[in-house]
Amino acid sequence: MDQYEGVWQGSFAGDRAGTWKIGIDEDGSAKGVMTPVDQSQGFSLSGRVNESGELVMTAIVFGRDAVYNAFLTESNLDGNWNAQENDFRGTWSGTKNKRDNRFPYGLIINP
């Protein structure tokens, strides 16, 4: 799964919009932060990518579960998200950051 390892970033849109940044480790585990445009702090994401490039991440956003599904190529991410209970949904997309292969620690995220 070396082709997915590294830092990925992009945006999400739909019923909520903003930016996201995740790091994927060599074992496929993923963690990161998503930040809505109307919030000063982000929300933590965690999940896994499999060898086929299918990524599933979850977050607790305003006390509700949100699920982020995507498909990765070696340099692009495209997918959908859904916040359960609120019936909020949308899309998210982004690219692998070729210049920085390390996760950006020090981001402000809600526990």
PDB file of N, CA and C in Angstrom:
ATOM      1  N   MET A   1       0.810  -1.201   0.000  1.00  0.00           N
ATOM      2  CA  MET A   1       0.000   0.000   0.000  1.00  0.00           C
ATOM      3  C   MET A   1       0.850   1.260   0.000  1.00  0.00           C
ATOM      4  N   ASP A   2       2.092   1.123  -0.402  1.00  0.00           N
ATOM      5  CA  ASP A   2       2.985   2.274  -0.436  1.00  0.00           C
ATOM      6  C   ASP A   2       2.467   3.405  -1.320  1.00  0.00           C
ATOM      7  N   GLN A   3       1.711   3.066  -2.360  1.00  0.00           N
ATOM      8  CA  GLN A   3       1.230   4.093  -3.286  1.00  0.00           C
ATOM      9  C   GLN A   3       0.271   5.070  -2.623  1.00  0.00           C
ATOM     10  N   TYR A   4      -0.348   4.687  -1.489  1.00  0.00           N
ATOM     11  CA  TYR A   4      -1.304   5.564  -0.804  1.00  0.00           C
ATOM     12  C   TYR A   4      -0.683   6.287   0.390  1.00  0.00           C
ATOM     13  N   GLU A   5       0.470   5.831   0.837  1.00  0.00           N
ATOM     14  CA  GLU A   5       1.116   6.419   2.011  1.00  0.00           C
ATOM     15  C   GLU A   5       1.484   7.870   1.750  1.00  0.00           C
ATOM     16  N   GLY A   6       1.220   8.730   2.743  1.00  0.00           N
ATOM     17  CA  GLY A   6       1.590  10.135   2.637  1.00  0.00           C
ATOM     18  C   GLY A   6       0.485  11.053   3.081  1.00  0.00           C
ATOM     19  N   VAL A   7       0.632  12.313   2.738  1.00  0.00           N
ATOM     20  CA  VAL A   7      -0.319  13.357   3.118  1.00  0.00           C
ATOM     21  C   VAL A   7      -1.228  13.671   1.932  1.00  0.00           C
ATOM     22  N   TRP A   8      -2.514  13.702   2.213  1.00  0.00           N
ATOM     23  CA  TRP A   8      -3.537  14.007   1.215  1.00  0.00           C
ATOM     24  C   TRP A   8      -4.319  15.214   1.700  1.00  0.00           C
ATOM     25  N   GLN A   9      -4.776  16.046   0.774  1.00  0.00           N
ATOM     26  CA  GLN A   9      -5.580  17.203   1.182  1.00  0.00           C
ATOM     27  C   GLN A   9      -6.526  17.606   0.067  1.00  0.00           C
ATOM     28  N   GLY A  10      -7.601  18.281   0.475  1.00  0.00           N
ATOM     29  CA  GLY A  10      -8.578  18.710  -0.511  1.00  0.00           C
ATOM     30  C   GLY A  10      -9.746  19.405   0.148  1.00  0.00           C
ATOM     31  N   SER A  11     -10.905  19.296  -0.480  1.00  0.00           N
ATOM     32  CA  SER A  11     -12.092  19.990   0.003  1.00  0.00           C
ATOM     33  C   SER A  11     -13.300  19.063  -0.010  1.00  0.00           C
ATOM     34  N   PHE A  12     -14.316  19.455   0.751  1.00  0.00           N
ATOM     35  CA  PHE A  12     -15.583  18.739   0.726  1.00  0.00           C
ATOM     36  C   PHE A  12     -16.693  19.757   0.494  1.00  0.00           C
ATOM     37  N   ALA A  13     -17.781  19.298  -0.117  1.00  0.00           N
ATOM     38  CA  ALA A  13     -18.896  20.173  -0.461  1.00  0.00           C
ATOM     39  C   ALA A  13     -20.193  19.401  -0.284  1.00  0.00           C
ATOM     40  N   GLY A  14     -21.291  20.115  -0.352  1.00  0.00           N
ATOM     41  CA  GLY A  14     -22.606  19.514  -0.175  1.00  0.00           C
ATOM     42  C   GLY A  14     -23.378  20.314   0.842  1.00  0.00           C
ATOM     43  N   ASP A  15     -24.026  19.617   1.781  1.00  0.00           N
ATOM     44  CA  ASP A  15     -24.781  20.307   2.825  1.00  0.00           C
ATOM     45  C   ASP A  15     -23.862  21.061   3.789  1.00  0.00           C
ATOM     46  N   ARG A  16     -22.611  20.688   3.849  1.00  0.00           N
ATOM     47  CA  ARG A  16     -21.545  21.408   4.564  1.00  0.00           C
ATOM     48  C   ARG A  16     -20.359  21.461   3.616  1.00  0.00           C
ATOM     49  N   ALA A  17     -19.501  22.459   3.809  1.00  0.00           N
ATOM     50  CA  ALA A  17     -18.327  22.595   2.939  1.00  0.00           C
ATOM     51  C   ALA A  17     -17.117  22.986   3.778  1.00  0.00           C
ATOM     52  N   GLY A  18     -15.938  22.668   3.255  1.00  0.00           N
ATOM     53  CA  GLY A  18     -14.709  23.021   3.945  1.00  0.00           C
ATOM     54  C   GLY A  18     -13.523  22.312   3.330  1.00  0.00           C
ATOM     55  N   THR A  19     -12.473  22.175   4.145  1.00  0.00           N
ATOM     56  CA  THR A  19     -11.242  21.540   3.693  1.00  0.00           C
ATOM     57  C   THR A  19     -10.902  20.364   4.597  1.00  0.00           C
ATOM     58  N   TRP A  20     -10.029  19.500   4.112  1.00  0.00           N
ATOM     59  CA  TRP A  20      -9.588  18.361   4.897  1.00  0.00           C
ATOM     60  C   TRP A  20      -8.125  18.072   4.593  1.00  0.00           C
ATOM     61  N   LYS A  21      -7.482  17.383   5.540  1.00  0.00           N
ATOM     62  CA  LYS A  21      -6.099  16.944   5.371  1.00  0.00           C
ATOM     63  C   LYS A  21      -5.937  15.654   6.160  1.00  0.00           C
ATOM     64  N   ILE A  22      -5.434  14.609   5.500  1.00  0.00           N
ATOM     65  CA  ILE A  22      -5.236  13.324   6.174  1.00  0.00           C
ATOM     66  C   ILE A  22      -3.841  12.783   5.886  1.00  0.00           C
ATOM     67  N   GLY A  23      -3.377  11.948   6.791  1.00  0.00           N
ATOM     68  CA  GLY A  23      -2.144  11.212   6.596  1.00  0.00           C
ATOM     69  C   GLY A  23      -2.449   9.735   6.557  1.00  0.00           C
ATOM     70  N   ILE A  24      -1.871   9.024   5.599  1.00  0.00           N
ATOM     71  CA  ILE A  24      -2.058   7.582   5.486  1.00  0.00           C
ATOM     72  C   ILE A  24      -0.711   6.914   5.742  1.00  0.00           C
ATOM     73  N   ASP A  25      -0.708   5.974   6.699  1.00  0.00           N
ATOM     74  CA  ASP A  25       0.505   5.238   7.048  1.00  0.00           C
ATOM     75  C   ASP A  25       0.707   4.058   6.109  1.00  0.00           C
ATOM     76  N   GLU A  26       1.894   3.445   6.179  1.00  0.00           N
ATOM     77  CA  GLU A  26       2.235   2.330   5.304  1.00  0.00           C
ATOM     78  C   GLU A  26       1.326   1.118   5.501  1.00  0.00           C
ATOM     79  N   ASP A  27       0.696   0.987   6.690  1.00  0.00           N
ATOM     80  CA  ASP A  27      -0.209  -0.138   6.939  1.00  0.00           C
ATOM     81  C   ASP A  27      -1.645   0.142   6.505  1.00  0.00           C
ATOM     82  N   GLY A  28      -1.893   1.337   5.964  1.00  0.00           N
ATOM     83  CA  GLY A  28      -3.231   1.687   5.494  1.00  0.00           C
ATOM     84  C   GLY A  28      -4.065   2.455   6.482  1.00  0.00           C
ATOM     85  N   SER A  29      -3.582   2.644   7.704  1.00  0.00           N
ATOM     86  CA  SER A  29      -4.359   3.435   8.661  1.00  0.00           C
ATOM     87  C   SER A  29      -4.294   4.909   8.269  1.00  0.00           C
ATOM     88  N   ALA A  30      -5.412   5.584   8.480  1.00  0.00           N
ATOM     89  CA  ALA A  30      -5.530   6.987   8.067  1.00  0.00           C
ATOM     90  C   ALA A  30      -6.083   7.812   9.215  1.00  0.00           C
ATOM     91  N   LYS A  31      -5.562   9.020   9.362  1.00  0.00           N
ATOM     92  CA  LYS A  31      -6.079   9.958  10.360  1.00  0.00           C
ATOM     93  C   LYS A  31      -5.887  11.361   9.832  1.00  0.00           C
ATOM     94  N   GLY A  32      -6.722  12.254  10.297  1.00  0.00           N
ATOM     95  CA  GLY A  32      -6.608  13.615   9.813  1.00  0.00           C
ATOM     96  C   GLY A  32      -7.634  14.534  10.428  1.00  0.00           C
ATOM     97  N   VAL A  33      -7.886  15.606   9.729  1.00  0.00           N
ATOM     98  CA  VAL A  33      -8.789  16.642  10.219  1.00  0.00           C
ATOM     99  C   VAL A  33      -9.598  17.196   9.058  1.00  0.00           C
ATOM    100  N   MET A  34     -10.871  17.490   9.330  1.00  0.00           N
ATOM    101  CA  MET A  34     -11.714  18.194   8.369  1.00  0.00           C
ATOM    102  C   MET A  34     -12.194  19.463   9.057  1.00  0.00           C
ATOM    103  N   THR A  35     -12.196  20.566   8.310  1.00  0.00           N
ATOM    104  CA  THR A  35     -12.549  21.858   8.883  1.00  0.00           C
ATOM    105  C   THR A  35     -13.631  22.525   8.040  1.00  0.00           C
ATOM    106  N   PRO A  36     -14.855  22.641   8.568  1.00  0.00           N
ATOM    107  CA  PRO A  36     -15.904  23.352   7.844  1.00  0.00           C
ATOM    108  C   PRO A  36     -15.535  24.825   7.684  1.00  0.00           C
ATOM    109  N   VAL A  37     -16.023  25.450   6.613  1.00  0.00           N
ATOM    110  CA  VAL A  37     -15.671  26.847   6.337  1.00  0.00           C
ATOM    111  C   VAL A  37     -16.164  27.786   7.429  1.00  0.00           C
ATOM    112  N   ASP A  38     -17.203  27.434   8.150  1.00  0.00           N
ATOM    113  CA  ASP A  38     -17.754  28.316   9.178  1.00  0.00           C
ATOM    114  C   ASP A  38     -17.281  27.956  10.585  1.00  0.00           C
ATOM    115  N   GLN A  39     -16.200  27.170  10.693  1.00  0.00           N
ATOM    116  CA  GLN A  39     -15.662  26.774  11.992  1.00  0.00           C
ATOM    117  C   GLN A  39     -14.185  27.129  12.078  1.00  0.00           C
ATOM    118  N   SER A  40     -13.746  27.503  13.285  1.00  0.00           N
ATOM    119  CA  SER A  40     -12.327  27.808  13.461  1.00  0.00           C
ATOM    120  C   SER A  40     -11.530  26.563  13.835  1.00  0.00           C
ATOM    121  N   GLN A  41     -12.198  25.537  14.333  1.00  0.00           N
ATOM    122  CA  GLN A  41     -11.527  24.291  14.685  1.00  0.00           C
ATOM    123  C   GLN A  41     -12.017  23.170  13.791  1.00  0.00           C
ATOM    124  N   GLY A  42     -11.156  22.184  13.620  1.00  0.00           N
ATOM    125  CA  GLY A  42     -11.508  21.035  12.800  1.00  0.00           C
ATOM    126  C   GLY A  42     -11.979  19.869  13.635  1.00  0.00           C
ATOM    127  N   PHE A  43     -12.401  18.817  12.947  1.00  0.00           N
ATOM    128  CA  PHE A  43     -12.861  17.584  13.566  1.00  0.00           C
ATOM    129  C   PHE A  43     -11.972  16.448  13.096  1.00  0.00           C
ATOM    130  N   SER A  44     -11.629  15.556  14.017  1.00  0.00           N
ATOM    131  CA  SER A  44     -10.706  14.481  13.656  1.00  0.00           C
ATOM    132  C   SER A  44     -11.412  13.393  12.860  1.00  0.00           C
ATOM    133  N   LEU A  45     -10.674  12.845  11.902  1.00  0.00           N
ATOM    134  CA  LEU A  45     -11.113  11.728  11.061  1.00  0.00           C
ATOM    135  C   LEU A  45     -10.189  10.553  11.320  1.00  0.00           C
ATOM    136  N   SER A  46     -10.723   9.346  11.244  1.00  0.00           N
ATOM    137  CA  SER A  46      -9.862   8.166  11.319  1.00  0.00           C
ATOM    138  C   SER A  46     -10.478   7.058  10.487  1.00  0.00           C
ATOM    139  N   GLY A  47      -9.615   6.177   9.989  1.00  0.00           N
ATOM    140  CA  GLY A  47     -10.099   5.081   9.176  1.00  0.00           C
ATOM    141  C   GLY A  47      -8.975   4.290   8.553  1.00  0.00           C
ATOM    142  N   ARG A  48      -9.296   3.594   7.430  1.00  0.00           N
ATOM    143  CA  ARG A  48      -8.329   2.735   6.766  1.00  0.00           C
ATOM    144  C   ARG A  48      -8.560   2.746   5.263  1.00  0.00           C
ATOM    145  N   VAL A  49      -7.483   2.503   4.531  1.00  0.00           N
ATOM    146  CA  VAL A  49      -7.568   2.272   3.089  1.00  0.00           C
ATOM    147  C   VAL A  49      -7.128   0.832   2.836  1.00  0.00           C
ATOM    148  N   ASN A  50      -7.807   0.153   1.900  1.00  0.00           N
ATOM    149  CA  ASN A  50      -7.392  -1.212   1.576  1.00  0.00           C
ATOM    150  C   ASN A  50      -6.499  -1.209   0.336  1.00  0.00           C
ATOM    151  N   GLU A  51      -6.031  -2.367  -0.058  1.00  0.00           N
ATOM    152  CA  GLU A  51      -5.096  -2.461  -1.183  1.00  0.00           C
ATOM    153  C   GLU A  51      -5.714  -2.039  -2.504  1.00  0.00           C
ATOM    154  N   SER A  52      -7.043  -2.077  -2.602  1.00  0.00           N
ATOM    155  CA  SER A  52      -7.742  -1.658  -3.826  1.00  0.00           C
ATOM    156  C   SER A  52      -7.947  -0.151  -3.892  1.00  0.00           C
ATOM    157  N   GLY A  53      -7.581   0.568  -2.816  1.00  0.00           N
ATOM    158  CA  GLY A  53      -7.738   2.011  -2.795  1.00  0.00           C
ATOM    159  C   GLY A  53      -9.057   2.487  -2.229  1.00  0.00           C
ATOM    160  N   GLU A  54      -9.822   1.596  -1.601  1.00  0.00           N
ATOM    161  CA  GLU A  54     -11.077   1.998  -0.980  1.00  0.00           C
ATOM    162  C   GLU A  54     -10.796   2.520   0.424  1.00  0.00           C
ATOM    163  N   LEU A  55     -11.153   3.765   0.660  1.00  0.00           N
ATOM    164  CA  LEU A  55     -10.914   4.425   1.941  1.00  0.00           C
ATOM    165  C   LEU A  55     -12.240   4.653   2.636  1.00  0.00           C
ATOM    166  N   VAL A  56     -12.310   4.281   3.921  1.00  0.00           N
ATOM    167  CA  VAL A  56     -13.474   4.562   4.751  1.00  0.00           C
ATOM    168  C   VAL A  56     -12.970   5.257   6.010  1.00  0.00           C
ATOM    169  N   MET A  57     -13.511   6.443   6.260  1.00  0.00           N
ATOM    170  CA  MET A  57     -13.134   7.202   7.450  1.00  0.00           C
ATOM    171  C   MET A  57     -14.398   7.632   8.179  1.00  0.00           C
ATOM    172  N   THR A  58     -14.270   7.828   9.489  1.00  0.00           N
ATOM    173  CA  THR A  58     -15.396   8.296  10.287  1.00  0.00           C
ATOM    174  C   THR A  58     -14.963   9.494  11.114  1.00  0.00           C
ATOM    175  N   ALA A  59     -15.950  10.289  11.507  1.00  0.00           N
ATOM    176  CA  ALA A  59     -15.720  11.447  12.355  1.00  0.00           C
ATOM    177  C   ALA A  59     -16.967  11.676  13.190  1.00  0.00           C
ATOM    178  N   ILE A  60     -16.798  12.319  14.323  1.00  0.00           N
ATOM    179  CA  ILE A  60     -17.931  12.793  15.115  1.00  0.00           C
ATOM    180  C   ILE A  60     -17.997  14.296  14.875  1.00  0.00           C
ATOM    181  N   VAL A  61     -19.067  14.740  14.216  1.00  0.00           N
ATOM    182  CA  VAL A  61     -19.222  16.141  13.844  1.00  0.00           C
ATOM    183  C   VAL A  61     -20.453  16.691  14.546  1.00  0.00           C
ATOM    184  N   PHE A  62     -20.241  17.628  15.448  1.00  0.00           N
ATOM    185  CA  PHE A  62     -21.332  18.207  16.233  1.00  0.00           C
ATOM    186  C   PHE A  62     -22.163  17.119  16.913  1.00  0.00           C
ATOM    187  N   GLY A  63     -21.469  16.110  17.459  1.00  0.00           N
ATOM    188  CA  GLY A  63     -22.126  15.048  18.197  1.00  0.00           C
ATOM    189  C   GLY A  63     -22.783  13.982  17.343  1.00  0.00           C
ATOM    190  N   ARG A  64     -22.568  14.010  16.046  1.00  0.00           N
ATOM    191  CA  ARG A  64     -23.193  13.049  15.143  1.00  0.00           C
ATOM    192  C   ARG A  64     -22.124  12.313  14.332  1.00  0.00           C
ATOM    193  N   ASP A  65     -22.409  11.055  14.019  1.00  0.00           N
ATOM    194  CA  ASP A  65     -21.480  10.252  13.225  1.00  0.00           C
ATOM    195  C   ASP A  65     -21.495  10.706  11.773  1.00  0.00           C
ATOM    196  N   ALA A  66     -20.326  10.837  11.199  1.00  0.00           N
ATOM    197  CA  ALA A  66     -20.188  11.136   9.770  1.00  0.00           C
ATOM    198  C   ALA A  66     -19.278  10.082   9.163  1.00  0.00           C
ATOM    199  N   VAL A  67     -19.631   9.612   7.973  1.00  0.00           N
ATOM    200  CA  VAL A  67     -18.862   8.584   7.273  1.00  0.00           C
ATOM    201  C   VAL A  67     -18.375   9.159   5.957  1.00  0.00           C
ATOM    202  N   TYR A  68     -17.082   8.976   5.704  1.00  0.00           N
ATOM    203  CA  TYR A  68     -16.445   9.461   4.477  1.00  0.00           C
ATOM    204  C   TYR A  68     -15.934   8.255   3.706  1.00  0.00           C
ATOM    205  N   ASN A  69     -16.483   7.999   2.524  1.00  0.00           N
ATOM    206  CA  ASN A  69     -16.047   6.908   1.653  1.00  0.00           C
ATOM    207  C   ASN A  69     -15.368   7.505   0.430  1.00  0.00           C
ATOM    208  N   ALA A  70     -14.295   6.878  -0.012  1.00  0.00           N
ATOM    209  CA  ALA A  70     -13.589   7.399  -1.188  1.00  0.00           C
ATOM    210  C   ALA A  70     -12.827   6.292  -1.879  1.00  0.00           C
ATOM    211  N   PHE A  71     -12.436   6.577  -3.093  1.00  0.00           N
ATOM    212  CA  PHE A  71     -11.546   5.698  -3.839  1.00  0.00           C
ATOM    213  C   PHE A  71     -10.284   6.481  -4.166  1.00  0.00           C
ATOM    214  N   LEU A  72      -9.126   5.885  -3.912  1.00  0.00           N
ATOM    215  CA  LEU A  72      -7.839   6.523  -4.160  1.00  0.00           C
ATOM    216  C   LEU A  72      -7.164   5.920  -5.382  1.00  0.00           C
ATOM    217  N   THR A  73      -6.521   6.774  -6.151  1.00  0.00           N
ATOM    218  CA  THR A  73      -5.532   6.325  -7.115  1.00  0.00           C
ATOM    219  C   THR A  73      -4.192   6.689  -6.489  1.00  0.00           C
ATOM    220  N   GLU A  74      -3.114   6.622  -7.233  1.00  0.00           N
ATOM    221  CA  GLU A  74      -1.821   6.985  -6.643  1.00  0.00           C
ATOM    222  C   GLU A  74      -1.729   8.459  -6.305  1.00  0.00           C
ATOM    223  N   SER A  75      -2.579   9.303  -6.904  1.00  0.00           N
ATOM    224  CA  SER A  75      -2.465  10.740  -6.634  1.00  0.00           C
ATOM    225  C   SER A  75      -3.794  11.465  -6.434  1.00  0.00           C
ATOM    226  N   ASN A  76      -4.944  10.789  -6.596  1.00  0.00           N
ATOM    227  CA  ASN A  76      -6.238  11.463  -6.464  1.00  0.00           C
ATOM    228  C   ASN A  76      -7.179  10.715  -5.534  1.00  0.00           C
ATOM    229  N   LEU A  77      -8.052  11.486  -4.880  1.00  0.00           N
ATOM    230  CA  LEU A  77      -9.081  10.950  -4.003  1.00  0.00           C
ATOM    231  C   LEU A  77     -10.417  11.533  -4.436  1.00  0.00           C
ATOM    232  N   ASP A  78     -11.426  10.692  -4.584  1.00  0.00           N
ATOM    233  CA  ASP A  78     -12.783  11.128  -4.898  1.00  0.00           C
ATOM    234  C   ASP A  78     -13.759  10.264  -4.126  1.00  0.00           C
ATOM    235  N   GLY A  79     -14.760  10.910  -3.506  1.00  0.00           N
ATOM    236  CA  GLY A  79     -15.724  10.124  -2.750  1.00  0.00           C
ATOM    237  C   GLY A  79     -16.927  10.914  -2.304  1.00  0.00           C
ATOM    238  N   ASN A  80     -17.687  10.274  -1.411  1.00  0.00           N
ATOM    239  CA  ASN A  80     -18.912  10.845  -0.854  1.00  0.00           C
ATOM    240  C   ASN A  80     -18.840  10.826   0.661  1.00  0.00           C
ATOM    241  N   TRP A  81     -19.603  11.711   1.290  1.00  0.00           N
ATOM    242  CA  TRP A  81     -19.702  11.697   2.750  1.00  0.00           C
ATOM    243  C   TRP A  81     -21.171  11.806   3.133  1.00  0.00           C
ATOM    244  N   ASN A  82     -21.466  11.323   4.343  1.00  0.00           N
ATOM    245  CA  ASN A  82     -22.826  11.316   4.852  1.00  0.00           C
ATOM    246  C   ASN A  82     -22.777  11.463   6.363  1.00  0.00           C
ATOM    247  N   ALA A  83     -23.488  12.461   6.881  1.00  0.00           N
ATOM    248  CA  ALA A  83     -23.610  12.631   8.330  1.00  0.00           C
ATOM    249  C   ALA A  83     -24.953  12.047   8.749  1.00  0.00           C
ATOM    250  N   GLN A  84     -24.894  10.933   9.439  1.00  0.00           N
ATOM    251  CA  GLN A  84     -26.109  10.241   9.848  1.00  0.00           C
ATOM    252  C   GLN A  84     -26.905  11.091  10.820  1.00  0.00           C
ATOM    253  N   GLU A  85     -28.163  10.801  10.968  1.00  0.00           N
ATOM    254  CA  GLU A  85     -29.133  11.484  11.819  1.00  0.00           C
ATOM    255  C   GLU A  85     -29.537  12.838  11.258  1.00  0.00           C
ATOM    256  N   ASN A  86     -28.608  13.596  10.669  1.00  0.00           N
ATOM    257  CA  ASN A  86     -28.939  14.895  10.086  1.00  0.00           C
ATOM    258  C   ASN A  86     -29.303  14.791   8.620  1.00  0.00           C
ATOM    259  N   ASP A  87     -28.971  13.680   8.026  1.00  0.00           N
ATOM    260  CA  ASP A  87     -29.156  13.470   6.597  1.00  0.00           C
ATOM    261  C   ASP A  87     -28.384  14.496   5.774  1.00  0.00           C
ATOM    262  N   PHE A  88     -27.238  14.959   6.314  1.00  0.00           N
ATOM    263  CA  PHE A  88     -26.336  15.819   5.551  1.00  0.00           C
ATOM    264  C   PHE A  88     -25.482  14.925   4.676  1.00  0.00           C
ATOM    265  N   ARG A  89     -25.184  15.369   3.463  1.00  0.00           N
ATOM    266  CA  ARG A  89     -24.331  14.573   2.578  1.00  0.00           C
ATOM    267  C   ARG A  89     -23.627  15.468   1.584  1.00  0.00           C
ATOM    268  N   GLY A  90     -22.672  14.883   0.902  1.00  0.00           N
ATOM    269  CA  GLY A  90     -21.952  15.627  -0.116  1.00  0.00           C
ATOM    270  C   GLY A  90     -20.813  14.818  -0.702  1.00  0.00           C
ATOM    271  N   THR A  91     -19.883  15.514  -1.306  1.00  0.00           N
ATOM    272  CA  THR A  91     -18.734  14.883  -1.934  1.00  0.00           C
ATOM    273  C   THR A  91     -17.452  15.437  -1.320  1.00  0.00           C
ATOM    274  N   TRP A  92     -16.367  14.696  -1.502  1.00  0.00           N
ATOM    275  CA  TRP A  92     -15.051  15.197  -1.113  1.00  0.00           C
ATOM    276  C   TRP A  92     -14.041  14.717  -2.129  1.00  0.00           C
ATOM    277  N   SER A  93     -13.040  15.532  -2.346  1.00  0.00           N
ATOM    278  CA  SER A  93     -12.019  15.191  -3.336  1.00  0.00           C
ATOM    279  C   SER A  93     -10.720  15.882  -2.961  1.00  0.00           C
ATOM    280  N   GLY A  94      -9.630  15.362  -3.516  1.00  0.00           N
ATOM    281  CA  GLY A  94      -8.342  15.961  -3.237  1.00  0.00           C
ATOM    282  C   GLY A  94      -7.217  15.207  -3.914  1.00  0.00           C
ATOM    283  N   THR A  95      -6.010  15.575  -3.526  1.00  0.00           N
ATOM    284  CA  THR A  95      -4.819  14.998  -4.134  1.00  0.00           C
ATOM    285  C   THR A  95      -3.785  14.665  -3.072  1.00  0.00           C
ATOM    286  N   LYS A  96      -2.861  13.805  -3.452  1.00  0.00           N
ATOM    287  CA  LYS A  96      -1.734  13.476  -2.593  1.00  0.00           C
ATOM    288  C   LYS A  96      -0.714  14.587  -2.712  1.00  0.00           C
ATOM    289  N   ASN A  97      -0.207  15.025  -1.572  1.00  0.00           N
ATOM    290  CA  ASN A  97       0.799  16.074  -1.539  1.00  0.00           C
ATOM    291  C   ASN A  97       2.160  15.439  -1.789  1.00  0.00           C
ATOM    292  N   LYS A  98       2.684  15.606  -2.974  1.00  0.00           N
ATOM    293  CA  LYS A  98       3.957  14.981  -3.358  1.00  0.00           C
ATOM    294  C   LYS A  98       5.152  15.570  -2.611  1.00  0.00           C
ATOM    295  N   ARG A  99       5.020  16.797  -2.119  1.00  0.00           N
ATOM    296  CA  ARG A  99       6.162  17.459  -1.492  1.00  0.00           C
ATOM    297  C   ARG A  99       6.341  17.106  -0.032  1.00  0.00           C
ATOM    298  N   ASP A 100       5.279  16.689   0.658  1.00  0.00           N
ATOM    299  CA  ASP A 100       5.377  16.430   2.092  1.00  0.00           C
ATOM    300  C   ASP A 100       4.795  15.061   2.378  1.00  0.00           C
ATOM    301  N   ASN A 101       5.623  14.104   2.723  1.00  0.00           N
ATOM    302  CA  ASN A 101       5.168  12.750   2.984  1.00  0.00           C
ATOM    303  C   ASN A 101       4.950  12.494   4.475  1.00  0.00           C
ATOM    304  N   ARG A 102       4.902  13.573   5.262  1.00  0.00           N
ATOM    305  CA  ARG A 102       4.699  13.437   6.698  1.00  0.00           C
ATOM    306  C   ARG A 102       3.377  14.079   7.083  1.00  0.00           C
ATOM    307  N   PHE A 103       2.693  13.497   8.064  1.00  0.00           N
ATOM    308  CA  PHE A 103       1.435  14.069   8.526  1.00  0.00           C
ATOM    309  C   PHE A 103       1.710  15.347   9.305  1.00  0.00           C
ATOM    310  N   PRO A 104       0.927  16.386   9.071  1.00  0.00           N
ATOM    311  CA  PRO A 104       1.158  17.686   9.728  1.00  0.00           C
ATOM    312  C   PRO A 104       0.626  17.715  11.157  1.00  0.00           C
ATOM    313  N   TYR A 105       1.429  17.307  12.108  1.00  0.00           N
ATOM    314  CA  TYR A 105       0.999  17.345  13.495  1.00  0.00           C
ATOM    315  C   TYR A 105       0.890  18.800  13.959  1.00  0.00           C
ATOM    316  N   GLY A 106       0.166  18.986  15.039  1.00  0.00           N
ATOM    317  CA  GLY A 106      -0.015  20.326  15.571  1.00  0.00           C
ATOM    318  C   GLY A 106      -1.287  20.982  15.080  1.00  0.00           C
ATOM    319  N   LEU A 107      -2.094  20.269  14.304  1.00  0.00           N
ATOM    320  CA  LEU A 107      -3.366  20.823  13.868  1.00  0.00           C
ATOM    321  C   LEU A 107      -4.315  20.872  15.043  1.00  0.00           C
ATOM    322  N   ILE A 108      -5.206  21.832  15.060  1.00  0.00           N
ATOM    323  CA  ILE A 108      -6.198  21.932  16.125  1.00  0.00           C
ATOM    324  C   ILE A 108      -7.373  21.047  15.734  1.00  0.00           C
ATOM    325  N   ILE A 109      -7.613  20.013  16.539  1.00  0.00           N
ATOM    326  CA  ILE A 109      -8.746  19.144  16.288  1.00  0.00           C
ATOM    327  C   ILE A 109      -9.510  18.903  17.583  1.00  0.00           C
ATOM    328  N   ASN A 110     -10.798  18.730  17.472  1.00  0.00           N
ATOM    329  CA  ASN A 110     -11.618  18.443  18.641  1.00  0.00           C
ATOM    330  C   ASN A 110     -11.438  16.985  19.025  1.00  0.00           C
ATOM    331  N   PRO A 111     -11.396  16.711  20.330  1.00  0.00           N
ATOM    332  CA  PRO A 111     -11.242  15.293  20.761  1.00  0.00           C
ATOM    333  C   PRO A 111     -12.504  14.501  20.489  1.00  0.00           C
TER     334      PRO A 111
END
